[in-house]
Amino acid sequence: MSERELRCAICDGDMLFEVPPCADGHDDCPELVCTRCGMAEVVAPIVVHLWPNHAGPIPRLPHQRRAAA
């Protein structure tokens, strides 16, 4: 089992976390468990997908009038 030190929200301190045995067969399971209280935490990257807007051009505000300099 792999171990890592992270901040535990339940214990309110830096605690040792370990990877539990993975029943799903992952090589590197993203789940970690606090060795003191047993709180589980999932550590996984966030993936964001952006799609272009096909509804047309982005509407723009008309130019504002400027005061004479």
Protein backbone atom coordinates (compact mmCIF):
# COMPACT_ATOMS: atom_id res chain seq x y z
CA MET A 1 0.00 0.00 0.00
CA SER A 2 1.17 3.48 -0.92
CA GLU A 3 1.17 6.17 1.80
CA ARG A 4 0.92 9.96 1.59
CA GLU A 5 0.60 12.79 4.10
CA LEU A 6 -2.42 15.07 3.53
CA ARG A 7 -4.67 17.37 5.54
CA CYS A 8 -7.59 15.44 7.07
CA ALA A 9 -10.82 17.45 7.52
CA ILE A 10 -12.05 15.17 10.34
CA CYS A 11 -8.81 14.98 12.35
CA ASP A 12 -8.09 18.69 11.59
CA GLY A 13 -4.42 18.13 10.91
CA ASP A 14 -1.81 16.65 8.60
CA MET A 15 -2.30 12.89 8.77
CA LEU A 16 -0.94 9.84 7.00
CA PHE A 17 -3.24 8.60 4.19
CA GLU A 18 -2.93 5.22 2.50
CA VAL A 19 -4.39 3.62 -0.62
CA PRO A 20 -6.78 0.81 0.37
CA PRO A 21 -6.86 -2.46 -1.57
CA CYS A 22 -8.73 -1.70 -4.81
CA ALA A 23 -11.52 -4.12 -5.70
CA ASP A 24 -11.85 -2.54 -9.18
CA GLY A 25 -8.38 -3.65 -10.25
CA HIS A 26 -6.91 -0.16 -10.78
CA ASP A 27 -3.13 0.04 -10.84
CA ASP A 28 -3.14 3.46 -9.18
CA CYS A 29 -6.44 3.89 -7.32
CA PRO A 30 -7.45 7.56 -6.76
CA GLU A 31 -8.98 6.81 -3.33
CA LEU A 32 -7.04 7.52 -0.15
CA VAL A 33 -8.03 6.71 3.46
CA CYS A 34 -6.88 8.49 6.64
CA THR A 35 -4.99 6.01 8.82
CA ARG A 36 -6.32 7.63 12.01
CA CYS A 37 -10.08 8.14 11.44
CA GLY A 38 -10.76 6.26 8.18
CA MET A 39 -12.10 9.24 6.23
CA ALA A 40 -11.96 8.55 2.49
CA GLU A 41 -10.75 11.14 -0.01
CA VAL A 42 -10.68 10.85 -3.79
CA VAL A 43 -7.69 12.44 -5.48
CA ALA A 44 -8.28 12.66 -9.22
CA PRO A 45 -7.51 15.20 -11.93
CA ILE A 46 -10.27 17.54 -13.08
CA VAL A 47 -11.05 17.35 -16.80
CA VAL A 48 -12.80 20.29 -18.48
CA HIS A 49 -14.22 20.05 -22.01
CA LEU A 50 -14.93 23.25 -23.97
CA TRP A 51 -17.16 23.22 -27.02
CA PRO A 52 -17.35 26.15 -29.45
CA ASN A 53 -20.61 28.07 -29.63
CA HIS A 54 -22.28 27.14 -32.95
CA ALA A 55 -25.19 29.56 -32.43
CA GLY A 56 -23.38 32.35 -34.25
CA PRO A 57 -21.03 35.18 -33.39
CA ILE A 58 -20.79 36.49 -29.86
CA PRO A 59 -23.10 39.50 -29.42
CA ARG A 60 -21.22 42.70 -28.69
CA LEU A 61 -22.39 45.86 -26.97
CA PRO A 62 -22.58 49.01 -29.12
CA HIS A 63 -19.78 51.50 -28.64
CA GLN A 64 -20.48 54.00 -25.91
CA ARG A 65 -20.32 57.69 -26.62
CA ARG A 66 -17.25 59.41 -25.28
CA ALA A 67 -17.01 62.89 -23.86
CA ALA A 68 -15.05 65.45 -25.86
CA ALA A 69 -11.48 65.81 -24.68
